[in-house]
Amino acid sequence: MRLDRTDFEILRVLQNDARTPNKVLAAEVGLAGSTVHERVKRLEAAGVIRGATVTLDPAAFGVGLEAILMVTLAKHDRALVDRFMTEVAQVNEVRALFLISGRWDVVAHVVVRDVAHLRDLALDAFTSREGVEQIETAVVFERRESRALAPLFAPG
């Protein structure tokens, strides 16, 4: 699907607040509400917009610590890697999982209550799995993130 400047502007607004009312969105991009509504539906149908999320405060759920676990697998056998990724993605504490190149094979962003919970998670959900050769853990002191893509790739 080819996106124009108006599509990118709609996406920019929705990335900042997915609950922006259609009337406000239309005023932001300078189009009629019905036109904006149709554009948003077209972006959803094309898979450009894949849903809307709510950002929750981790502390409200007892999360006191975030960490990054870097995992080295013993073999790069496709079945082993696929099984590891599938199983670890189902672990409740895992927020994001990346199969990467370089020194480590897999990087996992996890959330836990405290250091004891992190230790148990590392031992029970990671090092005990078949094919795991080594893990390294890094505690996250601070996190800043952006989900914005629209301005970055907008037509010039």
N, C-alpha and C. Protein backbone atom coordinates (compact mmCIF):
# COMPACT_ATOMS: atom_id res chain seq x y z
N MET A 1 0.84 -1.18 0.00
CA MET A 1 0.00 0.00 0.00
C MET A 1 0.88 1.24 0.00
N ARG A 2 0.55 2.16 -0.82
CA ARG A 2 1.29 3.42 -0.92
C ARG A 2 0.66 4.45 0.02
N LEU A 3 1.47 5.03 0.90
CA LEU A 3 0.99 6.01 1.86
C LEU A 3 1.34 7.42 1.39
N ASP A 4 0.38 8.34 1.55
CA ASP A 4 0.67 9.73 1.20
C ASP A 4 0.90 10.54 2.49
N ARG A 5 1.14 11.82 2.32
CA ARG A 5 1.43 12.69 3.48
C ARG A 5 0.28 12.72 4.47
N THR A 6 -0.94 12.70 3.98
CA THR A 6 -2.10 12.72 4.87
C THR A 6 -2.16 11.44 5.69
N ASP A 7 -1.89 10.31 5.06
CA ASP A 7 -1.85 9.04 5.80
C ASP A 7 -0.81 9.12 6.92
N PHE A 8 0.37 9.64 6.60
CA PHE A 8 1.43 9.76 7.60
C PHE A 8 1.02 10.70 8.72
N GLU A 9 0.30 11.75 8.39
CA GLU A 9 -0.15 12.68 9.43
C GLU A 9 -1.18 12.01 10.33
N ILE A 10 -2.08 11.25 9.76
CA ILE A 10 -3.06 10.49 10.55
C ILE A 10 -2.33 9.52 11.48
N LEU A 11 -1.36 8.82 10.94
CA LEU A 11 -0.60 7.85 11.74
C LEU A 11 0.19 8.54 12.85
N ARG A 12 0.73 9.72 12.57
CA ARG A 12 1.48 10.46 13.59
C ARG A 12 0.58 10.79 14.77
N VAL A 13 -0.62 11.27 14.48
CA VAL A 13 -1.56 11.63 15.54
C VAL A 13 -1.97 10.39 16.33
N LEU A 14 -2.31 9.32 15.63
CA LEU A 14 -2.77 8.10 16.30
C LEU A 14 -1.66 7.44 17.11
N GLN A 15 -0.40 7.56 16.67
CA GLN A 15 0.71 6.99 17.45
C GLN A 15 0.85 7.69 18.80
N ASN A 16 0.55 8.97 18.82
CA ASN A 16 0.65 9.72 20.08
C ASN A 16 -0.52 9.43 21.00
N ASP A 17 -1.70 9.17 20.43
CA ASP A 17 -2.88 8.82 21.22
C ASP A 17 -3.85 8.07 20.33
N ALA A 18 -3.86 6.76 20.45
CA ALA A 18 -4.71 5.92 19.61
C ALA A 18 -6.20 6.15 19.87
N ARG A 19 -6.52 6.82 20.98
CA ARG A 19 -7.93 7.09 21.30
C ARG A 19 -8.37 8.48 20.86
N THR A 20 -7.59 9.12 20.00
CA THR A 20 -7.96 10.44 19.50
C THR A 20 -9.31 10.34 18.79
N PRO A 21 -10.29 11.14 19.23
CA PRO A 21 -11.61 11.09 18.57
C PRO A 21 -11.48 11.47 17.09
N ASN A 22 -12.33 10.87 16.27
CA ASN A 22 -12.29 11.12 14.83
C ASN A 22 -12.43 12.60 14.50
N LYS A 23 -13.27 13.31 15.25
CA LYS A 23 -13.48 14.74 15.02
C LYS A 23 -12.17 15.52 15.24
N VAL A 24 -11.45 15.19 16.29
CA VAL A 24 -10.17 15.85 16.59
C VAL A 24 -9.13 15.46 15.55
N LEU A 25 -9.11 14.18 15.18
CA LEU A 25 -8.17 13.69 14.16
C LEU A 25 -8.42 14.42 12.84
N ALA A 26 -9.67 14.57 12.46
CA ALA A 26 -10.01 15.27 11.22
C ALA A 26 -9.53 16.72 11.26
N ALA A 27 -9.72 17.39 12.38
CA ALA A 27 -9.26 18.78 12.51
C ALA A 27 -7.74 18.86 12.43
N GLU A 28 -7.05 17.90 13.02
CA GLU A 28 -5.58 17.88 13.01
C GLU A 28 -5.02 17.76 11.59
N VAL A 29 -5.68 16.95 10.76
CA VAL A 29 -5.15 16.72 9.41
C VAL A 29 -5.85 17.54 8.34
N GLY A 30 -6.87 18.30 8.74
CA GLY A 30 -7.52 19.21 7.80
C GLY A 30 -8.44 18.54 6.80
N LEU A 31 -9.11 17.47 7.21
CA LEU A 31 -10.06 16.78 6.33
C LEU A 31 -11.40 16.62 7.03
N ALA A 32 -12.40 16.27 6.26
CA ALA A 32 -13.71 15.99 6.83
C ALA A 32 -13.64 14.71 7.66
N GLY A 33 -14.47 14.64 8.70
CA GLY A 33 -14.49 13.47 9.57
C GLY A 33 -14.73 12.17 8.82
N SER A 34 -15.66 12.20 7.85
CA SER A 34 -15.97 10.98 7.09
C SER A 34 -14.78 10.52 6.26
N THR A 35 -14.05 11.48 5.70
CA THR A 35 -12.86 11.15 4.90
C THR A 35 -11.78 10.53 5.77
N VAL A 36 -11.55 11.11 6.95
CA VAL A 36 -10.55 10.56 7.88
C VAL A 36 -10.95 9.17 8.33
N HIS A 37 -12.24 9.01 8.64
CA HIS A 37 -12.74 7.69 9.06
C HIS A 37 -12.45 6.64 7.99
N GLU A 38 -12.75 6.97 6.73
CA GLU A 38 -12.50 6.03 5.63
C GLU A 38 -11.00 5.73 5.48
N ARG A 39 -10.16 6.75 5.64
CA ARG A 39 -8.70 6.54 5.55
C ARG A 39 -8.22 5.62 6.66
N VAL A 40 -8.71 5.84 7.87
CA VAL A 40 -8.30 4.98 8.99
C VAL A 40 -8.74 3.54 8.73
N LYS A 41 -9.96 3.36 8.25
CA LYS A 41 -10.45 2.01 7.93
C LYS A 41 -9.59 1.36 6.84
N ARG A 42 -9.18 2.15 5.84
CA ARG A 42 -8.33 1.63 4.76
C ARG A 42 -6.96 1.23 5.32
N LEU A 43 -6.41 2.04 6.22
CA LEU A 43 -5.11 1.73 6.84
C LEU A 43 -5.21 0.47 7.70
N GLU A 44 -6.34 0.29 8.36
CA GLU A 44 -6.54 -0.93 9.15
C GLU A 44 -6.69 -2.15 8.24
N ALA A 45 -7.48 -2.02 7.19
CA ALA A 45 -7.71 -3.14 6.27
C ALA A 45 -6.42 -3.58 5.58
N ALA A 46 -5.55 -2.62 5.32
CA ALA A 46 -4.27 -2.92 4.66
C ALA A 46 -3.23 -3.46 5.63
N GLY A 47 -3.54 -3.43 6.93
CA GLY A 47 -2.59 -3.93 7.92
C GLY A 47 -1.55 -2.92 8.35
N VAL A 48 -1.68 -1.67 7.89
CA VAL A 48 -0.75 -0.62 8.32
C VAL A 48 -0.98 -0.34 9.80
N ILE A 49 -2.25 -0.22 10.18
CA ILE A 49 -2.62 -0.10 11.59
C ILE A 49 -3.03 -1.50 12.03
N ARG A 50 -2.28 -2.03 12.99
CA ARG A 50 -2.53 -3.41 13.42
C ARG A 50 -3.18 -3.49 14.79
N GLY A 51 -3.78 -2.42 15.25
CA GLY A 51 -4.46 -2.43 16.53
C GLY A 51 -4.08 -1.20 17.33
N ALA A 52 -4.67 -1.09 18.49
CA ALA A 52 -4.37 0.01 19.40
C ALA A 52 -4.09 -0.60 20.76
N THR A 53 -3.21 0.01 21.51
CA THR A 53 -2.85 -0.54 22.81
C THR A 53 -3.03 0.49 23.91
N VAL A 54 -3.06 -0.01 25.11
CA VAL A 54 -3.09 0.82 26.30
C VAL A 54 -1.75 0.61 27.01
N THR A 55 -1.12 1.68 27.42
CA THR A 55 0.14 1.57 28.14
C THR A 55 -0.17 1.51 29.63
N LEU A 56 0.27 0.44 30.27
CA LEU A 56 0.00 0.23 31.69
C LEU A 56 1.23 0.57 32.52
N ASP A 57 1.01 0.96 33.76
CA ASP A 57 2.10 1.23 34.69
C ASP A 57 2.55 -0.09 35.31
N PRO A 58 3.75 -0.56 35.01
CA PRO A 58 4.21 -1.84 35.54
C PRO A 58 4.17 -1.92 37.07
N ALA A 59 4.43 -0.81 37.75
CA ALA A 59 4.43 -0.81 39.21
C ALA A 59 3.05 -1.18 39.77
N ALA A 60 1.99 -0.86 39.05
CA ALA A 60 0.64 -1.18 39.50
C ALA A 60 0.41 -2.69 39.57
N PHE A 61 1.26 -3.45 38.91
CA PHE A 61 1.14 -4.91 38.89
C PHE A 61 2.23 -5.59 39.70
N GLY A 62 2.95 -4.81 40.48
CA GLY A 62 3.99 -5.38 41.32
C GLY A 62 5.34 -5.53 40.66
N VAL A 63 5.50 -4.95 39.47
CA VAL A 63 6.79 -5.01 38.79
C VAL A 63 7.72 -4.00 39.43
N GLY A 64 8.80 -4.49 40.01
CA GLY A 64 9.76 -3.61 40.65
C GLY A 64 11.07 -3.55 39.91
N LEU A 65 11.22 -4.41 38.90
CA LEU A 65 12.50 -4.52 38.22
C LEU A 65 12.29 -4.98 36.78
N GLU A 66 13.05 -4.39 35.89
CA GLU A 66 13.09 -4.85 34.50
C GLU A 66 14.51 -5.29 34.21
N ALA A 67 14.66 -6.26 33.33
CA ALA A 67 15.99 -6.74 32.99
C ALA A 67 16.02 -7.19 31.53
N ILE A 68 17.23 -7.25 31.03
CA ILE A 68 17.48 -7.80 29.70
C ILE A 68 18.28 -9.08 29.89
N LEU A 69 17.81 -10.17 29.32
CA LEU A 69 18.53 -11.43 29.37
C LEU A 69 19.07 -11.73 27.98
N MET A 70 20.39 -11.89 27.90
CA MET A 70 21.03 -12.23 26.64
C MET A 70 21.36 -13.73 26.69
N VAL A 71 20.91 -14.44 25.68
CA VAL A 71 21.00 -15.90 25.69
C VAL A 71 21.86 -16.38 24.53
N THR A 72 22.76 -17.31 24.85
CA THR A 72 23.53 -18.01 23.82
C THR A 72 23.01 -19.44 23.76
N LEU A 73 22.65 -19.87 22.56
CA LEU A 73 22.18 -21.24 22.37
C LEU A 73 23.35 -22.12 21.94
N ALA A 74 23.31 -23.38 22.36
CA ALA A 74 24.39 -24.31 22.07
C ALA A 74 24.49 -24.63 20.58
N LYS A 75 23.34 -24.73 19.91
CA LYS A 75 23.31 -25.03 18.48
C LYS A 75 22.36 -24.07 17.80
N HIS A 76 22.60 -23.84 16.54
CA HIS A 76 21.72 -22.99 15.75
C HIS A 76 20.83 -23.84 14.85
N ASP A 77 20.34 -24.90 15.41
CA ASP A 77 19.41 -25.79 14.73
C ASP A 77 18.04 -25.12 14.68
N ARG A 78 17.44 -25.04 13.50
CA ARG A 78 16.17 -24.32 13.33
C ARG A 78 15.10 -24.83 14.29
N ALA A 79 14.96 -26.11 14.43
CA ALA A 79 13.92 -26.67 15.31
C ALA A 79 14.16 -26.24 16.75
N LEU A 80 15.40 -26.28 17.20
CA LEU A 80 15.73 -25.87 18.56
C LEU A 80 15.45 -24.39 18.77
N VAL A 81 15.88 -23.56 17.83
CA VAL A 81 15.67 -22.11 17.93
C VAL A 81 14.18 -21.79 17.92
N ASP A 82 13.43 -22.39 16.99
CA ASP A 82 11.99 -22.14 16.91
C ASP A 82 11.28 -22.57 18.19
N ARG A 83 11.63 -23.73 18.71
CA ARG A 83 11.01 -24.22 19.94
C ARG A 83 11.34 -23.29 21.11
N PHE A 84 12.61 -22.89 21.22
CA PHE A 84 13.01 -21.98 22.29
C PHE A 84 12.23 -20.68 22.22
N MET A 85 12.18 -20.07 21.03
CA MET A 85 11.47 -18.80 20.86
C MET A 85 9.98 -18.94 21.19
N THR A 86 9.36 -20.00 20.72
CA THR A 86 7.94 -20.22 20.97
C THR A 86 7.66 -20.40 22.45
N GLU A 87 8.46 -21.22 23.11
CA GLU A 87 8.24 -21.50 24.53
C GLU A 87 8.52 -20.28 25.40
N VAL A 88 9.62 -19.60 25.15
CA VAL A 88 9.99 -18.46 25.98
C VAL A 88 9.02 -17.29 25.77
N ALA A 89 8.51 -17.14 24.58
CA ALA A 89 7.53 -16.08 24.32
C ALA A 89 6.28 -16.25 25.16
N GLN A 90 6.01 -17.46 25.63
CA GLN A 90 4.82 -17.74 26.45
C GLN A 90 5.05 -17.48 27.94
N VAL A 91 6.28 -17.21 28.34
CA VAL A 91 6.58 -16.94 29.75
C VAL A 91 5.99 -15.58 30.11
N ASN A 92 5.19 -15.54 31.16
CA ASN A 92 4.46 -14.31 31.53
C ASN A 92 5.35 -13.10 31.71
N GLU A 93 6.52 -13.28 32.26
CA GLU A 93 7.40 -12.15 32.55
C GLU A 93 8.10 -11.58 31.31
N VAL A 94 8.06 -12.30 30.21
CA VAL A 94 8.74 -11.86 28.99
C VAL A 94 7.87 -10.83 28.27
N ARG A 95 8.41 -9.62 28.09
CA ARG A 95 7.69 -8.54 27.42
C ARG A 95 8.05 -8.46 25.95
N ALA A 96 9.30 -8.76 25.61
CA ALA A 96 9.74 -8.74 24.22
C ALA A 96 10.84 -9.77 24.06
N LEU A 97 10.91 -10.34 22.89
CA LEU A 97 11.89 -11.39 22.61
C LEU A 97 12.43 -11.17 21.21
N PHE A 98 13.76 -11.17 21.08
CA PHE A 98 14.40 -10.89 19.80
C PHE A 98 15.40 -11.98 19.46
N LEU A 99 15.31 -12.52 18.26
CA LEU A 99 16.32 -13.41 17.70
C LEU A 99 17.28 -12.51 16.94
N ILE A 100 18.53 -12.48 17.33
CA ILE A 100 19.46 -11.49 16.79
C ILE A 100 20.73 -12.14 16.25
N SER A 101 21.54 -11.33 15.59
CA SER A 101 22.87 -11.77 15.16
C SER A 101 23.87 -11.20 16.14
N GLY A 102 25.08 -11.72 16.11
CA GLY A 102 26.12 -11.19 16.97
C GLY A 102 26.48 -12.12 18.11
N ARG A 103 26.95 -11.53 19.18
CA ARG A 103 27.47 -12.29 20.33
C ARG A 103 26.43 -13.20 20.95
N TRP A 104 25.19 -12.71 21.09
CA TRP A 104 24.12 -13.52 21.67
C TRP A 104 23.16 -13.92 20.58
N ASP A 105 22.39 -14.94 20.86
CA ASP A 105 21.41 -15.42 19.89
C ASP A 105 20.02 -14.84 20.13
N VAL A 106 19.68 -14.68 21.40
CA VAL A 106 18.35 -14.20 21.76
C VAL A 106 18.49 -13.16 22.86
N VAL A 107 17.70 -12.11 22.76
CA VAL A 107 17.62 -11.10 23.81
C VAL A 107 16.17 -11.03 24.27
N ALA A 108 15.97 -11.08 25.59
CA ALA A 108 14.63 -11.02 26.16
C ALA A 108 14.53 -9.86 27.12
N HIS A 109 13.47 -9.08 26.98
CA HIS A 109 13.15 -8.02 27.95
C HIS A 109 12.14 -8.62 28.91
N VAL A 110 12.47 -8.63 30.21
CA VAL A 110 11.59 -9.24 31.20
C VAL A 110 11.24 -8.25 32.31
N VAL A 111 10.11 -8.50 32.96
CA VAL A 111 9.68 -7.72 34.11
C VAL A 111 9.46 -8.68 35.27
N VAL A 112 9.94 -8.28 36.45
CA VAL A 112 9.85 -9.13 37.64
C VAL A 112 9.57 -8.27 38.87
N ARG A 113 9.22 -8.94 39.98
CA ARG A 113 8.96 -8.23 41.23
C ARG A 113 10.25 -7.68 41.85
N ASP A 114 11.28 -8.53 41.87
CA ASP A 114 12.52 -8.18 42.58
C ASP A 114 13.66 -9.07 42.09
N VAL A 115 14.81 -8.94 42.73
CA VAL A 115 16.00 -9.69 42.30
C VAL A 115 15.80 -11.19 42.49
N ALA A 116 15.15 -11.60 43.56
CA ALA A 116 14.91 -13.04 43.78
C ALA A 116 14.02 -13.61 42.66
N HIS A 117 13.02 -12.84 42.25
CA HIS A 117 12.15 -13.26 41.15
C HIS A 117 12.96 -13.36 39.85
N LEU A 118 13.87 -12.41 39.64
CA LEU A 118 14.73 -12.43 38.45
C LEU A 118 15.61 -13.67 38.45
N ARG A 119 16.22 -13.98 39.60
CA ARG A 119 17.06 -15.18 39.72
C ARG A 119 16.25 -16.43 39.39
N ASP A 120 15.06 -16.55 39.98
CA ASP A 120 14.23 -17.73 39.73
C ASP A 120 13.82 -17.82 38.26
N LEU A 121 13.48 -16.69 37.68
CA LEU A 121 13.09 -16.67 36.27
C LEU A 121 14.26 -17.12 35.39
N ALA A 122 15.44 -16.58 35.64
CA ALA A 122 16.62 -16.94 34.85
C ALA A 122 16.90 -18.44 34.95
N LEU A 123 16.83 -18.97 36.15
CA LEU A 123 17.13 -20.39 36.34
C LEU A 123 16.02 -21.31 35.81
N ASP A 124 14.78 -20.96 36.11
CA ASP A 124 13.66 -21.85 35.77
C ASP A 124 13.17 -21.73 34.34
N ALA A 125 13.19 -20.52 33.79
CA ALA A 125 12.59 -20.32 32.46
C ALA A 125 13.63 -20.21 31.35
N PHE A 126 14.89 -20.05 31.71
CA PHE A 126 15.91 -19.86 30.67
C PHE A 126 17.01 -20.92 30.74
N THR A 127 17.83 -20.91 31.78
CA THR A 127 18.99 -21.81 31.80
C THR A 127 18.61 -23.28 31.84
N SER A 128 17.42 -23.60 32.32
CA SER A 128 17.00 -25.00 32.39
C SER A 128 16.50 -25.54 31.06
N ARG A 129 16.34 -24.69 30.07
CA ARG A 129 15.81 -25.14 28.77
C ARG A 129 16.87 -25.84 27.94
N GLU A 130 16.42 -26.82 27.19
CA GLU A 130 17.30 -27.55 26.28
C GLU A 130 17.95 -26.58 25.29
N GLY A 131 19.24 -26.72 25.13
CA GLY A 131 19.94 -25.93 24.13
C GLY A 131 20.51 -24.62 24.62
N VAL A 132 20.19 -24.22 25.85
CA VAL A 132 20.72 -22.96 26.36
C VAL A 132 22.13 -23.21 26.88
N GLU A 133 23.07 -22.49 26.30
CA GLU A 133 24.47 -22.63 26.69
C GLU A 133 24.83 -21.64 27.79
N GLN A 134 24.33 -20.42 27.66
CA GLN A 134 24.73 -19.37 28.60
C GLN A 134 23.71 -18.24 28.57
N ILE A 135 23.53 -17.58 29.72
CA ILE A 135 22.75 -16.34 29.73
C ILE A 135 23.54 -15.28 30.48
N GLU A 136 23.31 -14.06 30.09
CA GLU A 136 23.87 -12.91 30.79
C GLU A 136 22.70 -11.99 31.09
N THR A 137 22.69 -11.44 32.29
CA THR A 137 21.57 -10.62 32.72
C THR A 137 22.03 -9.20 32.98
N ALA A 138 21.25 -8.24 32.50
CA ALA A 138 21.52 -6.83 32.75
C ALA A 138 20.26 -6.20 33.32
N VAL A 139 20.38 -5.52 34.45
CA VAL A 139 19.25 -4.84 35.07
C VAL A 139 19.02 -3.52 34.34
N VAL A 140 17.77 -3.21 34.08
CA VAL A 140 17.40 -1.96 33.43
C VAL A 140 17.22 -0.90 34.51
N PHE A 141 18.03 0.14 34.46
CA PHE A 141 17.90 1.25 35.42
C PHE A 141 16.83 2.24 35.01
N GLU A 142 16.71 2.46 33.71
CA GLU A 142 15.75 3.42 33.18
C GLU A 142 15.38 3.01 31.77
N ARG A 143 14.11 3.26 31.41
CA ARG A 143 13.65 2.90 30.07
C ARG A 143 12.97 4.10 29.44
N ARG A 144 13.33 4.37 28.21
CA ARG A 144 12.65 5.36 27.39
C ARG A 144 12.41 4.70 26.05
N GLU A 145 11.24 4.89 25.52
CA GLU A 145 10.95 4.22 24.25
C GLU A 145 10.07 5.09 23.39
N SER A 146 10.09 4.78 22.12
CA SER A 146 9.23 5.44 21.16
C SER A 146 8.67 4.39 20.23
N ARG A 147 7.42 4.50 19.93
CA ARG A 147 6.80 3.59 18.98
C ARG A 147 6.52 4.30 17.66
N ALA A 148 6.91 5.55 17.56
CA ALA A 148 6.60 6.36 16.39
C ALA A 148 7.41 5.93 15.17
N LEU A 149 6.71 5.64 14.10
CA LEU A 149 7.35 5.32 12.81
C LEU A 149 6.98 6.33 11.73
N ALA A 150 5.76 6.84 11.80
CA ALA A 150 5.24 7.67 10.71
C ALA A 150 6.14 8.85 10.36
N PRO A 151 6.59 9.66 11.31
CA PRO A 151 7.44 10.80 10.89
C PRO A 151 8.75 10.35 10.27
N LEU A 152 9.28 9.25 10.72
CA LEU A 152 10.58 8.78 10.25
C LEU A 152 10.56 8.42 8.77
N PHE A 153 9.47 7.87 8.30
CA PHE A 153 9.41 7.38 6.92
C PHE A 153 8.45 8.16 6.03
N ALA A 154 8.01 9.33 6.50
CA ALA A 154 7.08 10.14 5.72
C ALA A 154 7.74 10.63 4.44
N PRO A 155 6.96 10.74 3.36
CA PRO A 155 7.54 11.24 2.11
C PRO A 155 8.02 12.68 2.28
N GLY A 156 9.15 12.98 1.69
CA GLY A 156 9.77 14.30 1.82
C GLY A 156 9.24 15.25 0.88
